[in-house]
Amino acid sequence: MVTHRGNTPPPPPWPPIFLLLLISSPLQARP
């Protein structure tokens, strides 16, 4: 279902690794 009527395609789903990094970032920042 690809319609080119000026409708921008939905952004690709973020990979789980990105979420893991975001969650791991603050965890590792803590001493």
PDB file of N, CA and C in Angstrom:
ATOM      1  N   MET A   1       0.844  -1.205   0.000  1.00  0.00           N
ATOM      2  CA  MET A   1       0.000   0.000   0.000  1.00  0.00           C
ATOM      3  C   MET A   1       0.875   1.249   0.000  1.00  0.00           C
ATOM      4  N   VAL A   2       1.385   1.626  -1.144  1.00  0.00           N
ATOM      5  CA  VAL A   2       2.246   2.812  -1.229  1.00  0.00           C
ATOM      6  C   VAL A   2       1.565   3.876  -2.062  1.00  0.00           C
ATOM      7  N   THR A   3       1.137   4.949  -1.414  1.00  0.00           N
ATOM      8  CA  THR A   3       0.447   6.016  -2.143  1.00  0.00           C
ATOM      9  C   THR A   3       1.302   7.280  -2.133  1.00  0.00           C
ATOM     10  N   HIS A   4       1.572   7.797  -3.324  1.00  0.00           N
ATOM     11  CA  HIS A   4       2.391   9.010  -3.409  1.00  0.00           C
ATOM     12  C   HIS A   4       1.467  10.209  -3.656  1.00  0.00           C
ATOM     13  N   ARG A   5       0.752  10.588  -2.614  1.00  0.00           N
ATOM     14  CA  ARG A   5      -0.167  11.725  -2.743  1.00  0.00           C
ATOM     15  C   ARG A   5       0.273  12.848  -1.808  1.00  0.00           C
ATOM     16  N   GLY A   6       1.574  13.027  -1.651  1.00  0.00           N
ATOM     17  CA  GLY A   6       2.053  14.079  -0.757  1.00  0.00           C
ATOM     18  C   GLY A   6       2.093  13.585   0.681  1.00  0.00           C
ATOM     19  N   ASN A   7       1.670  12.337   0.881  1.00  0.00           N
ATOM     20  CA  ASN A   7       1.702  11.784   2.243  1.00  0.00           C
ATOM     21  C   ASN A   7       3.098  11.231   2.535  1.00  0.00           C
ATOM     22  N   THR A   8       3.765  11.818   3.533  1.00  0.00           N
ATOM     23  CA  THR A   8       5.113  11.346   3.855  1.00  0.00           C
ATOM     24  C   THR A   8       5.016   9.964   4.500  1.00  0.00           C
ATOM     25  N   PRO A   9       5.875   9.053   4.111  1.00  0.00           N
ATOM     26  CA  PRO A   9       5.846   7.701   4.666  1.00  0.00           C
ATOM     27  C   PRO A   9       6.163   7.735   6.153  1.00  0.00           C
ATOM     28  N   PRO A  10       5.566   6.834   6.918  1.00  0.00           N
ATOM     29  CA  PRO A  10       5.787   6.799   8.366  1.00  0.00           C
ATOM     30  C   PRO A  10       7.244   6.462   8.661  1.00  0.00           C
ATOM     31  N   PRO A  11       7.819   7.057   9.720  1.00  0.00           N
ATOM     32  CA  PRO A  11       9.209   6.801  10.069  1.00  0.00           C
ATOM     33  C   PRO A  11       9.407   5.340  10.431  1.00  0.00           C
ATOM     34  N   PRO A  12      10.572   4.766  10.111  1.00  0.00           N
ATOM     35  CA  PRO A  12      10.834   3.363  10.418  1.00  0.00           C
ATOM     36  C   PRO A  12      10.854   3.145  11.928  1.00  0.00           C
ATOM     37  N   PRO A  13      10.413   1.984  12.375  1.00  0.00           N
ATOM     38  CA  PRO A  13      10.386   1.686  13.814  1.00  0.00           C
ATOM     39  C   PRO A  13      11.804   1.672  14.379  1.00  0.00           C
ATOM     40  N   TRP A  14      11.987   2.339  15.507  1.00  0.00           N
ATOM     41  CA  TRP A  14      13.302   2.368  16.143  1.00  0.00           C
ATOM     42  C   TRP A  14      13.714   0.970  16.551  1.00  0.00           C
ATOM     43  N   PRO A  15      14.950   0.608  16.272  1.00  0.00           N
ATOM     44  CA  PRO A  15      15.456  -0.715  16.659  1.00  0.00           C
ATOM     45  C   PRO A  15      15.567  -0.831  18.175  1.00  0.00           C
ATOM     46  N   PRO A  16      15.417  -2.019  18.696  1.00  0.00           N
ATOM     47  CA  PRO A  16      15.475  -2.239  20.155  1.00  0.00           C
ATOM     48  C   PRO A  16      16.828  -1.804  20.716  1.00  0.00           C
ATOM     49  N   ILE A  17      17.881  -1.885  19.884  1.00  0.00           N
ATOM     50  CA  ILE A  17      19.226  -1.508  20.358  1.00  0.00           C
ATOM     51  C   ILE A  17      19.252  -0.026  20.730  1.00  0.00           C
ATOM     52  N   PHE A  18      18.513   0.789  19.972  1.00  0.00           N
ATOM     53  CA  PHE A  18      18.477   2.223  20.257  1.00  0.00           C
ATOM     54  C   PHE A  18      17.856   2.454  21.638  1.00  0.00           C
ATOM     55  N   LEU A  19      16.774   1.726  21.912  1.00  0.00           N
ATOM     56  CA  LEU A  19      16.109   1.855  23.206  1.00  0.00           C
ATOM     57  C   LEU A  19      17.040   1.389  24.314  1.00  0.00           C
ATOM     58  N   LEU A  20      17.727   0.289  24.062  1.00  0.00           N
ATOM     59  CA  LEU A  20      18.648  -0.271  25.059  1.00  0.00           C
ATOM     60  C   LEU A  20      19.724   0.748  25.389  1.00  0.00           C
ATOM     61  N   LEU A  21      20.248   1.411  24.357  1.00  0.00           N
ATOM     62  CA  LEU A  21      21.308   2.404  24.579  1.00  0.00           C
ATOM     63  C   LEU A  21      20.772   3.585  25.381  1.00  0.00           C
ATOM     64  N   LEU A  22      19.558   4.012  25.053  1.00  0.00           N
ATOM     65  CA  LEU A  22      18.968   5.149  25.764  1.00  0.00           C
ATOM     66  C   LEU A  22      18.762   4.818  27.240  1.00  0.00           C
ATOM     67  N   ILE A  23      18.346   3.578  27.503  1.00  0.00           N
ATOM     68  CA  ILE A  23      18.089   3.158  28.887  1.00  0.00           C
ATOM     69  C   ILE A  23      19.408   2.878  29.611  1.00  0.00           C
ATOM     70  N   SER A  24      20.392   2.375  28.847  1.00  0.00           N
ATOM     71  CA  SER A  24      21.677   2.025  29.446  1.00  0.00           C
ATOM     72  C   SER A  24      22.517   3.278  29.696  1.00  0.00           C
ATOM     73  N   SER A  25      22.282   4.317  28.908  1.00  0.00           N
ATOM     74  CA  SER A  25      23.071   5.545  29.048  1.00  0.00           C
ATOM     75  C   SER A  25      22.996   6.112  30.474  1.00  0.00           C
ATOM     76  N   PRO A  26      21.805   6.403  30.982  1.00  0.00           N
ATOM     77  CA  PRO A  26      21.686   6.950  32.340  1.00  0.00           C
ATOM     78  C   PRO A  26      22.169   5.954  33.390  1.00  0.00           C
ATOM     79  N   LEU A  27      21.972   4.667  33.134  1.00  0.00           N
ATOM     80  CA  LEU A  27      22.381   3.655  34.106  1.00  0.00           C
ATOM     81  C   LEU A  27      23.894   3.640  34.248  1.00  0.00           C
ATOM     82  N   GLN A  28      24.597   3.771  33.125  1.00  0.00           N
ATOM     83  CA  GLN A  28      26.059   3.739  33.155  1.00  0.00           C
ATOM     84  C   GLN A  28      26.609   5.077  33.657  1.00  0.00           C
ATOM     85  N   ALA A  29      25.862   6.138  33.453  1.00  0.00           N
ATOM     86  CA  ALA A  29      26.316   7.462  33.879  1.00  0.00           C
ATOM     87  C   ALA A  29      26.413   7.522  35.407  1.00  0.00           C
ATOM     88  N   ARG A  30      25.546   6.768  36.058  1.00  0.00           N
ATOM     89  CA  ARG A  30      25.566   6.761  37.531  1.00  0.00           C
ATOM     90  C   ARG A  30      26.818   6.047  38.028  1.00  0.00           C
ATOM     91  N   PRO A  31      27.463   6.597  39.046  1.00  0.00           N
ATOM     92  CA  PRO A  31      28.684   5.990  39.591  1.00  0.00           C
ATOM     93  C   PRO A  31      28.416   4.673  40.294  1.00  0.00           C
TER      94      PRO A  31
END
